[in-house]
Amino acid sequence: MKMTLKRALGFTMLSLLMPCLLLGLQAGCKTNPPTAAGLQRLQGTWEGVALGQETPGGPFVKSADTITITITGNSFHFHRDTNFWFETTITLAAATDPQQLHATIKGNAPSQGSNAIGKVVVAILKIEDRTLTLAARGDGSEETPISFEDEKVTRYELRKVQPQKKNTQSPKTK
């Protein structure tokens, strides 16, 4: 009788735990919809300017250079000029406020050397009024920015641009 009771108890426990195990596995195999949706919002080419403080506590001042960021899937290409660009892969951290973007550097301009390869840059981001705002600390800092107004960040304000269509027609002669 003891053996039958143990088997019945074991079978009951297994029947109760199996659905939980299957649901847990199913949930773990799905992609994270908020992260995928977040990356989807970022897809495309963005152009704008960098802003930084010339003096601590002073106002943010726009740079003269145009910044271009192109995001395709999880590939993130940052370009200021031929001597300052980065190829990275990005992920969005779940449940962060403000939203955090982690960019792992895969390549950069030859003039910058190879010390940055493999480093992770953490930025915060927001999209408001069709403007993408990113804030990151420079000079290899691994600190996560706290706010977009933090005096230790460079802030980037960018607007989505339409991709340039290549003219495949040959020019007409007169």
N, C-alpha and C. Protein backbone atom coordinates (compact mmCIF):
# COMPACT_ATOMS: atom_id res chain seq x y z
N MET A 1 0.81 -1.19 0.00
CA MET A 1 0.00 0.00 0.00
C MET A 1 0.86 1.26 0.00
N LYS A 2 1.97 1.25 0.76
CA LYS A 2 2.85 2.40 0.79
C LYS A 2 3.42 2.69 -0.59
N MET A 3 3.79 1.66 -1.31
CA MET A 3 4.39 1.82 -2.63
C MET A 3 3.38 2.44 -3.60
N THR A 4 2.14 2.02 -3.54
CA THR A 4 1.09 2.54 -4.42
C THR A 4 0.82 4.01 -4.10
N LEU A 5 0.78 4.37 -2.83
CA LEU A 5 0.54 5.74 -2.41
C LEU A 5 1.69 6.64 -2.88
N LYS A 6 2.94 6.16 -2.76
CA LYS A 6 4.10 6.95 -3.22
C LYS A 6 4.03 7.17 -4.72
N ARG A 7 3.68 6.12 -5.46
CA ARG A 7 3.58 6.26 -6.91
C ARG A 7 2.48 7.25 -7.29
N ALA A 8 1.35 7.15 -6.62
CA ALA A 8 0.24 8.05 -6.91
C ALA A 8 0.63 9.49 -6.61
N LEU A 9 1.31 9.72 -5.49
CA LEU A 9 1.75 11.05 -5.12
C LEU A 9 2.77 11.57 -6.13
N GLY A 10 3.70 10.71 -6.53
CA GLY A 10 4.71 11.09 -7.52
C GLY A 10 4.08 11.44 -8.86
N PHE A 11 3.11 10.64 -9.28
CA PHE A 11 2.42 10.88 -10.55
C PHE A 11 1.65 12.20 -10.49
N THR A 12 1.02 12.47 -9.35
CA THR A 12 0.26 13.71 -9.19
C THR A 12 1.20 14.92 -9.26
N MET A 13 2.33 14.85 -8.58
CA MET A 13 3.30 15.95 -8.61
C MET A 13 3.82 16.17 -10.02
N LEU A 14 4.13 15.07 -10.72
CA LEU A 14 4.63 15.18 -12.09
C LEU A 14 3.57 15.81 -12.99
N SER A 15 2.30 15.41 -12.82
CA SER A 15 1.24 15.98 -13.65
C SER A 15 1.05 17.47 -13.37
N LEU A 16 1.28 17.90 -12.15
CA LEU A 16 1.15 19.32 -11.83
C LEU A 16 2.34 20.13 -12.32
N LEU A 17 3.53 19.55 -12.25
CA LEU A 17 4.74 20.27 -12.64
C LEU A 17 4.96 20.31 -14.15
N MET A 18 4.51 19.32 -14.90
CA MET A 18 4.76 19.25 -16.33
C MET A 18 4.21 20.47 -17.08
N PRO A 19 2.95 20.90 -16.84
CA PRO A 19 2.48 22.10 -17.55
C PRO A 19 3.32 23.34 -17.23
N CYS A 20 3.73 23.45 -15.98
CA CYS A 20 4.58 24.59 -15.60
C CYS A 20 5.90 24.55 -16.35
N LEU A 21 6.49 23.38 -16.45
CA LEU A 21 7.75 23.23 -17.16
C LEU A 21 7.58 23.57 -18.64
N LEU A 22 6.53 23.05 -19.26
CA LEU A 22 6.29 23.32 -20.68
C LEU A 22 6.02 24.79 -20.94
N LEU A 23 5.23 25.43 -20.09
CA LEU A 23 4.96 26.85 -20.25
C LEU A 23 6.23 27.67 -20.06
N GLY A 24 7.04 27.29 -19.11
CA GLY A 24 8.30 27.98 -18.88
C GLY A 24 9.24 27.86 -20.06
N LEU A 25 9.34 26.67 -20.63
CA LEU A 25 10.19 26.48 -21.81
C LEU A 25 9.67 27.27 -22.99
N GLN A 26 8.36 27.26 -23.17
CA GLN A 26 7.77 27.99 -24.28
C GLN A 26 8.03 29.49 -24.13
N ALA A 27 7.88 30.02 -22.95
CA ALA A 27 8.12 31.45 -22.72
C ALA A 27 9.58 31.79 -22.92
N GLY A 28 10.48 30.90 -22.52
CA GLY A 28 11.90 31.16 -22.67
C GLY A 28 12.39 31.09 -24.10
N CYS A 29 11.67 30.43 -24.97
CA CYS A 29 12.08 30.28 -26.36
C CYS A 29 11.60 31.43 -27.24
N LYS A 30 10.70 32.24 -26.76
CA LYS A 30 10.20 33.35 -27.56
C LYS A 30 11.16 34.52 -27.49
N THR A 31 11.18 35.35 -28.55
CA THR A 31 11.97 36.57 -28.52
C THR A 31 11.28 37.56 -27.61
N ASN A 32 12.01 38.52 -27.15
CA ASN A 32 11.48 39.52 -26.25
C ASN A 32 10.79 40.61 -27.08
N PRO A 33 9.45 40.63 -27.16
CA PRO A 33 8.76 41.59 -28.02
C PRO A 33 9.11 43.05 -27.77
N PRO A 34 9.24 43.53 -26.50
CA PRO A 34 9.58 44.94 -26.32
C PRO A 34 10.93 45.29 -26.95
N THR A 35 11.92 44.40 -26.82
CA THR A 35 13.23 44.67 -27.38
C THR A 35 13.16 44.66 -28.90
N ALA A 36 12.47 43.69 -29.48
CA ALA A 36 12.34 43.62 -30.93
C ALA A 36 11.58 44.84 -31.44
N ALA A 37 10.53 45.25 -30.75
CA ALA A 37 9.78 46.43 -31.15
C ALA A 37 10.64 47.68 -31.02
N GLY A 38 11.45 47.74 -29.98
CA GLY A 38 12.34 48.88 -29.78
C GLY A 38 13.36 48.99 -30.90
N LEU A 39 13.94 47.87 -31.29
CA LEU A 39 14.89 47.89 -32.41
C LEU A 39 14.20 48.27 -33.70
N GLN A 40 12.96 47.81 -33.89
CA GLN A 40 12.23 48.13 -35.11
C GLN A 40 12.04 49.64 -35.26
N ARG A 41 11.77 50.32 -34.16
CA ARG A 41 11.58 51.78 -34.20
C ARG A 41 12.85 52.52 -34.63
N LEU A 42 14.00 51.90 -34.39
CA LEU A 42 15.28 52.55 -34.68
C LEU A 42 15.78 52.32 -36.11
N GLN A 43 15.19 51.39 -36.83
CA GLN A 43 15.68 51.03 -38.16
C GLN A 43 15.68 52.23 -39.10
N GLY A 44 16.74 52.32 -39.91
CA GLY A 44 16.82 53.38 -40.91
C GLY A 44 18.05 54.24 -40.72
N THR A 45 18.05 55.37 -41.43
CA THR A 45 19.17 56.31 -41.38
C THR A 45 18.71 57.57 -40.67
N TRP A 46 19.53 58.00 -39.74
CA TRP A 46 19.26 59.18 -38.92
C TRP A 46 20.40 60.17 -39.11
N GLU A 47 20.08 61.47 -39.24
CA GLU A 47 21.11 62.51 -39.36
C GLU A 47 20.84 63.61 -38.35
N GLY A 48 21.93 64.19 -37.86
CA GLY A 48 21.77 65.27 -36.89
C GLY A 48 23.10 65.80 -36.43
N VAL A 49 23.11 66.27 -35.21
CA VAL A 49 24.29 66.91 -34.65
C VAL A 49 24.61 66.34 -33.27
N ALA A 50 25.84 66.56 -32.86
CA ALA A 50 26.26 66.24 -31.50
C ALA A 50 26.16 67.54 -30.69
N LEU A 51 25.83 67.39 -29.43
CA LEU A 51 25.78 68.54 -28.54
C LEU A 51 26.61 68.22 -27.30
N GLY A 52 27.38 69.16 -26.87
CA GLY A 52 28.19 68.98 -25.67
C GLY A 52 28.33 70.31 -24.95
N GLN A 53 28.79 70.25 -23.72
CA GLN A 53 28.99 71.47 -22.95
C GLN A 53 30.43 71.93 -23.10
N GLU A 54 30.60 73.21 -23.46
CA GLU A 54 31.95 73.76 -23.58
C GLU A 54 32.55 74.02 -22.20
N THR A 55 31.69 74.36 -21.24
CA THR A 55 32.13 74.57 -19.87
C THR A 55 31.19 73.82 -18.94
N PRO A 56 31.70 73.26 -17.84
CA PRO A 56 30.83 72.54 -16.91
C PRO A 56 29.67 73.42 -16.45
N GLY A 57 28.47 72.88 -16.54
CA GLY A 57 27.29 73.62 -16.13
C GLY A 57 26.77 74.58 -17.18
N GLY A 58 27.51 74.74 -18.27
CA GLY A 58 27.08 75.64 -19.34
C GLY A 58 26.04 74.99 -20.23
N PRO A 59 25.56 75.76 -21.19
CA PRO A 59 24.55 75.21 -22.09
C PRO A 59 25.16 74.20 -23.07
N PHE A 60 24.30 73.31 -23.60
CA PHE A 60 24.75 72.37 -24.63
C PHE A 60 24.88 73.16 -25.93
N VAL A 61 26.00 72.93 -26.63
CA VAL A 61 26.31 73.64 -27.87
C VAL A 61 26.39 72.64 -29.00
N LYS A 62 25.77 72.97 -30.15
CA LYS A 62 25.77 72.08 -31.31
C LYS A 62 27.13 72.07 -31.99
N SER A 63 27.53 70.89 -32.45
CA SER A 63 28.76 70.77 -33.23
C SER A 63 28.48 71.21 -34.66
N ALA A 64 29.53 71.51 -35.39
CA ALA A 64 29.39 71.88 -36.80
C ALA A 64 29.26 70.65 -37.69
N ASP A 65 29.71 69.49 -37.18
CA ASP A 65 29.71 68.26 -37.97
C ASP A 65 28.32 67.63 -38.01
N THR A 66 28.02 67.01 -39.15
CA THR A 66 26.79 66.23 -39.27
C THR A 66 27.09 64.81 -38.85
N ILE A 67 26.25 64.26 -38.01
CA ILE A 67 26.37 62.88 -37.55
C ILE A 67 25.34 62.06 -38.32
N THR A 68 25.77 60.90 -38.85
CA THR A 68 24.85 59.99 -39.52
C THR A 68 24.91 58.65 -38.81
N ILE A 69 23.75 58.13 -38.47
CA ILE A 69 23.65 56.81 -37.85
C ILE A 69 22.72 55.98 -38.73
N THR A 70 23.19 54.79 -39.10
CA THR A 70 22.37 53.88 -39.88
C THR A 70 22.21 52.60 -39.07
N ILE A 71 20.95 52.20 -38.88
CA ILE A 71 20.65 50.99 -38.11
C ILE A 71 19.89 50.02 -39.00
N THR A 72 20.47 48.84 -39.15
CA THR A 72 19.86 47.76 -39.93
C THR A 72 19.92 46.51 -39.07
N GLY A 73 18.75 46.00 -38.67
CA GLY A 73 18.74 44.86 -37.75
C GLY A 73 19.36 45.29 -36.45
N ASN A 74 20.41 44.58 -36.02
CA ASN A 74 21.13 45.00 -34.81
C ASN A 74 22.49 45.60 -35.15
N SER A 75 22.71 45.95 -36.43
CA SER A 75 23.94 46.62 -36.85
C SER A 75 23.74 48.13 -36.76
N PHE A 76 24.71 48.79 -36.16
CA PHE A 76 24.64 50.22 -35.90
C PHE A 76 25.91 50.86 -36.44
N HIS A 77 25.77 51.72 -37.44
CA HIS A 77 26.94 52.40 -38.03
C HIS A 77 26.85 53.88 -37.66
N PHE A 78 27.87 54.37 -36.94
CA PHE A 78 27.97 55.77 -36.52
C PHE A 78 29.03 56.43 -37.38
N HIS A 79 28.71 57.58 -38.01
CA HIS A 79 29.68 58.24 -38.89
C HIS A 79 29.65 59.75 -38.68
N ARG A 80 30.82 60.31 -38.33
CA ARG A 80 30.98 61.76 -38.27
C ARG A 80 31.77 62.23 -39.47
N ASP A 81 32.92 61.56 -39.73
CA ASP A 81 33.75 61.87 -40.89
C ASP A 81 34.66 60.67 -41.15
N THR A 82 35.55 60.77 -42.13
CA THR A 82 36.39 59.61 -42.49
C THR A 82 37.33 59.20 -41.37
N ASN A 83 37.58 60.08 -40.42
CA ASN A 83 38.47 59.74 -39.31
C ASN A 83 37.75 59.39 -38.02
N PHE A 84 36.41 59.44 -38.04
CA PHE A 84 35.65 59.15 -36.81
C PHE A 84 34.36 58.44 -37.17
N TRP A 85 34.41 57.11 -37.17
CA TRP A 85 33.23 56.29 -37.42
C TRP A 85 33.38 54.97 -36.67
N PHE A 86 32.23 54.33 -36.42
CA PHE A 86 32.21 53.05 -35.69
C PHE A 86 31.19 52.12 -36.31
N GLU A 87 31.52 50.85 -36.39
CA GLU A 87 30.59 49.77 -36.73
C GLU A 87 30.36 49.01 -35.43
N THR A 88 29.10 48.84 -35.05
CA THR A 88 28.79 48.14 -33.80
C THR A 88 27.61 47.21 -34.00
N THR A 89 27.41 46.34 -33.02
CA THR A 89 26.17 45.60 -32.91
C THR A 89 25.51 46.10 -31.64
N ILE A 90 24.19 46.19 -31.68
CA ILE A 90 23.49 46.78 -30.54
C ILE A 90 22.44 45.84 -29.96
N THR A 91 22.19 46.05 -28.68
CA THR A 91 21.07 45.41 -28.00
C THR A 91 20.41 46.49 -27.15
N LEU A 92 19.14 46.31 -26.88
CA LEU A 92 18.43 47.21 -26.00
C LEU A 92 18.21 46.49 -24.67
N ALA A 93 18.59 47.15 -23.60
CA ALA A 93 18.39 46.55 -22.27
C ALA A 93 16.90 46.60 -21.94
N ALA A 94 16.40 45.50 -21.40
CA ALA A 94 14.98 45.42 -21.06
C ALA A 94 14.70 46.20 -19.78
N ALA A 95 13.54 46.80 -19.73
CA ALA A 95 13.00 47.44 -18.52
C ALA A 95 13.95 48.47 -17.92
N THR A 96 14.49 49.36 -18.75
CA THR A 96 15.32 50.45 -18.23
C THR A 96 14.62 51.77 -18.54
N ASP A 97 14.76 52.73 -17.65
CA ASP A 97 14.17 54.05 -17.85
C ASP A 97 15.16 55.10 -17.41
N PRO A 98 15.73 55.86 -18.35
CA PRO A 98 15.48 55.83 -19.78
C PRO A 98 16.02 54.55 -20.44
N GLN A 99 15.51 54.28 -21.65
CA GLN A 99 15.91 53.09 -22.41
C GLN A 99 17.42 53.09 -22.63
N GLN A 100 18.07 51.94 -22.39
CA GLN A 100 19.52 51.82 -22.60
C GLN A 100 19.82 51.04 -23.87
N LEU A 101 20.81 51.51 -24.59
CA LEU A 101 21.31 50.84 -25.78
C LEU A 101 22.76 50.45 -25.48
N HIS A 102 23.09 49.18 -25.73
CA HIS A 102 24.46 48.70 -25.53
C HIS A 102 25.04 48.42 -26.90
N ALA A 103 26.13 49.10 -27.25
CA ALA A 103 26.77 48.96 -28.56
C ALA A 103 28.14 48.34 -28.38
N THR A 104 28.35 47.18 -28.99
CA THR A 104 29.66 46.51 -28.95
C THR A 104 30.41 46.89 -30.22
N ILE A 105 31.56 47.51 -30.06
CA ILE A 105 32.33 48.01 -31.20
C ILE A 105 32.99 46.86 -31.94
N LYS A 106 32.70 46.77 -33.24
CA LYS A 106 33.26 45.73 -34.11
C LYS A 106 34.32 46.30 -35.05
N GLY A 107 34.25 47.57 -35.35
CA GLY A 107 35.21 48.21 -36.25
C GLY A 107 35.15 49.71 -36.08
N ASN A 108 36.23 50.38 -36.50
CA ASN A 108 36.28 51.84 -36.42
C ASN A 108 37.29 52.37 -37.44
N ALA A 109 37.35 53.68 -37.56
CA ALA A 109 38.27 54.31 -38.50
C ALA A 109 39.71 53.91 -38.15
N PRO A 110 40.53 53.60 -39.16
CA PRO A 110 41.92 53.20 -38.90
C PRO A 110 42.70 54.22 -38.08
N SER A 111 42.39 55.50 -38.24
CA SER A 111 43.11 56.54 -37.50
C SER A 111 42.87 56.46 -36.00
N GLN A 112 41.85 55.70 -35.58
CA GLN A 112 41.52 55.58 -34.16
C GLN A 112 42.21 54.39 -33.49
N GLY A 113 42.95 53.59 -34.26
CA GLY A 113 43.61 52.42 -33.69
C GLY A 113 42.61 51.32 -33.42
N SER A 114 43.06 50.28 -32.73
CA SER A 114 42.19 49.12 -32.50
C SER A 114 41.83 48.92 -31.03
N ASN A 115 42.14 49.88 -30.18
CA ASN A 115 41.86 49.73 -28.74
C ASN A 115 40.38 49.66 -28.41
N ALA A 116 39.53 50.22 -29.27
CA ALA A 116 38.10 50.25 -28.96
C ALA A 116 37.39 48.96 -29.35
N ILE A 117 37.99 48.14 -30.20
CA ILE A 117 37.34 46.93 -30.68
C ILE A 117 36.98 46.03 -29.49
N GLY A 118 35.72 45.60 -29.44
CA GLY A 118 35.25 44.73 -28.36
C GLY A 118 34.67 45.47 -27.17
N LYS A 119 34.91 46.78 -27.07
CA LYS A 119 34.37 47.53 -25.93
C LYS A 119 32.87 47.76 -26.13
N VAL A 120 32.17 47.88 -25.02
CA VAL A 120 30.74 48.14 -25.03
C VAL A 120 30.51 49.57 -24.57
N VAL A 121 29.80 50.32 -25.40
CA VAL A 121 29.42 51.68 -25.07
C VAL A 121 27.94 51.64 -24.70
N VAL A 122 27.61 52.24 -23.56
CA VAL A 122 26.22 52.28 -23.12
C VAL A 122 25.69 53.70 -23.34
N ALA A 123 24.57 53.79 -24.01
CA ALA A 123 23.92 55.08 -24.23
C ALA A 123 22.48 54.97 -23.77
N ILE A 124 21.88 56.11 -23.51
CA ILE A 124 20.45 56.14 -23.25
C ILE A 124 19.80 56.77 -24.47
N LEU A 125 18.54 56.41 -24.70
CA LEU A 125 17.88 56.94 -25.89
C LEU A 125 16.41 57.22 -25.64
N LYS A 126 15.89 58.09 -26.49
CA LYS A 126 14.45 58.36 -26.50
C LYS A 126 14.11 58.83 -27.91
N ILE A 127 12.86 58.59 -28.30
CA ILE A 127 12.34 59.12 -29.55
C ILE A 127 11.11 59.94 -29.21
N GLU A 128 11.19 61.24 -29.49
CA GLU A 128 10.08 62.15 -29.24
C GLU A 128 9.98 63.11 -30.42
N ASP A 129 8.79 63.38 -30.88
CA ASP A 129 8.57 64.30 -31.99
C ASP A 129 9.44 63.97 -33.19
N ARG A 130 9.53 62.69 -33.52
CA ARG A 130 10.31 62.18 -34.66
C ARG A 130 11.81 62.47 -34.55
N THR A 131 12.28 62.77 -33.33
CA THR A 131 13.70 63.01 -33.09
C THR A 131 14.25 61.92 -32.19
N LEU A 132 15.34 61.29 -32.64
CA LEU A 132 16.06 60.31 -31.84
C LEU A 132 17.12 61.05 -31.05
N THR A 133 17.07 60.92 -29.75
CA THR A 133 18.09 61.54 -28.89
C THR A 133 18.85 60.42 -28.20
N LEU A 134 20.18 60.45 -28.36
CA LEU A 134 21.08 59.50 -27.71
C LEU A 134 22.00 60.30 -26.80
N ALA A 135 22.37 59.74 -25.68
CA ALA A 135 23.35 60.37 -24.79
C ALA A 135 24.33 59.30 -24.35
N ALA A 136 25.62 59.59 -24.52
CA ALA A 136 26.66 58.63 -24.13
C ALA A 136 27.83 59.40 -23.54
N ARG A 137 28.54 58.73 -22.68
CA ARG A 137 29.78 59.30 -22.13
C ARG A 137 30.90 58.88 -23.05
N GLY A 138 31.78 59.76 -23.32
CA GLY A 138 32.88 59.48 -24.23
C GLY A 138 34.14 59.03 -23.52
N ASP A 139 35.22 58.99 -24.26
CA ASP A 139 36.56 58.68 -23.75
C ASP A 139 36.64 57.34 -23.03
N GLY A 140 35.91 56.36 -23.52
CA GLY A 140 36.03 55.01 -22.99
C GLY A 140 35.38 54.79 -21.64
N SER A 141 34.58 55.75 -21.18
CA SER A 141 33.90 55.58 -19.89
C SER A 141 32.90 54.44 -19.98
N GLU A 142 32.88 53.60 -18.97
CA GLU A 142 31.93 52.50 -18.93
C GLU A 142 30.69 52.85 -18.11
N GLU A 143 30.63 54.09 -17.62
CA GLU A 143 29.47 54.51 -16.83
C GLU A 143 28.26 54.70 -17.73
N THR A 144 27.11 54.33 -17.22
CA THR A 144 25.86 54.54 -17.94
C THR A 144 25.38 55.96 -17.66
N PRO A 145 25.06 56.71 -18.71
CA PRO A 145 24.51 58.06 -18.48
C PRO A 145 23.23 57.98 -17.64
N ILE A 146 23.02 58.97 -16.81
CA ILE A 146 21.85 59.00 -15.95
C ILE A 146 20.72 59.78 -16.60
N SER A 147 21.08 60.89 -17.27
CA SER A 147 20.05 61.71 -17.91
C SER A 147 20.61 62.34 -19.18
N PHE A 148 19.72 62.90 -19.98
CA PHE A 148 20.13 63.55 -21.22
C PHE A 148 20.76 64.91 -20.95
N GLU A 149 20.58 65.42 -19.75
CA GLU A 149 21.13 66.73 -19.37
C GLU A 149 22.44 66.60 -18.58
N ASP A 150 22.89 65.38 -18.34
CA ASP A 150 24.13 65.12 -17.60
C ASP A 150 25.28 65.85 -18.28
N GLU A 151 26.05 66.61 -17.51
CA GLU A 151 27.14 67.40 -18.11
C GLU A 151 28.29 66.53 -18.62
N LYS A 152 28.33 65.26 -18.26
CA LYS A 152 29.42 64.38 -18.69
C LYS A 152 29.09 63.62 -19.98
N VAL A 153 27.95 63.92 -20.61
CA VAL A 153 27.56 63.18 -21.81
C VAL A 153 27.71 64.05 -23.06
N THR A 154 27.83 63.35 -24.16
CA THR A 154 27.62 63.98 -25.46
C THR A 154 26.24 63.52 -25.87
N ARG A 155 25.44 64.47 -26.30
CA ARG A 155 24.07 64.16 -26.69
C ARG A 155 23.98 64.30 -28.21
N TYR A 156 23.27 63.39 -28.82
CA TYR A 156 23.08 63.40 -30.26
C TYR A 156 21.60 63.57 -30.53
N GLU A 157 21.25 64.54 -31.35
CA GLU A 157 19.86 64.77 -31.74
C GLU A 157 19.77 64.54 -33.23
N LEU A 158 18.98 63.52 -33.61
CA LEU A 158 18.94 63.08 -35.00
C LEU A 158 17.50 62.93 -35.49
N ARG A 159 17.33 63.15 -36.80
CA ARG A 159 16.03 62.95 -37.43
C ARG A 159 16.18 61.92 -38.52
N LYS A 160 15.15 61.11 -38.69
CA LYS A 160 15.18 60.05 -39.70
C LYS A 160 15.14 60.69 -41.09
N VAL A 161 15.99 60.17 -41.98
CA VAL A 161 16.03 60.66 -43.35
C VAL A 161 15.66 59.52 -44.29
N GLN A 162 15.15 59.88 -45.44
CA GLN A 162 14.82 58.88 -46.44
C GLN A 162 16.09 58.47 -47.16
N PRO A 163 16.25 57.18 -47.44
CA PRO A 163 17.44 56.73 -48.14
C PRO A 163 17.49 57.35 -49.54
N GLN A 164 18.70 57.67 -49.98
CA GLN A 164 18.90 58.23 -51.31
C GLN A 164 18.68 57.13 -52.34
N LYS A 165 17.84 57.41 -53.32
CA LYS A 165 17.63 56.44 -54.39
C LYS A 165 18.70 56.65 -55.45
N LYS A 166 19.27 55.54 -55.88
CA LYS A 166 20.29 55.63 -56.91
C LYS A 166 19.62 55.75 -58.26
N ASN A 167 20.14 56.64 -59.08
CA ASN A 167 19.60 56.84 -60.42
C ASN A 167 20.17 55.77 -61.33
N THR A 168 19.31 54.84 -61.74
CA THR A 168 19.77 53.73 -62.57
C THR A 168 19.59 54.02 -64.06
N GLN A 169 18.98 55.16 -64.38
CA GLN A 169 18.81 55.51 -65.78
C GLN A 169 20.04 56.24 -66.28
N SER A 170 20.40 55.98 -67.51
CA SER A 170 21.54 56.71 -68.09
C SER A 170 21.08 58.11 -68.46
N PRO A 171 21.98 59.08 -68.36
CA PRO A 171 21.58 60.47 -68.65
C PRO A 171 21.17 60.59 -70.12
N LYS A 172 20.18 61.43 -70.34
CA LYS A 172 19.70 61.65 -71.71
C LYS A 172 20.58 62.69 -72.39
N THR A 173 20.89 62.41 -73.63
CA THR A 173 21.70 63.36 -74.41
C THR A 173 20.79 64.23 -75.26
N LYS A 174 21.23 65.43 -75.52
CA LYS A 174 20.41 66.34 -76.32
C LYS A 174 20.82 66.30 -77.76
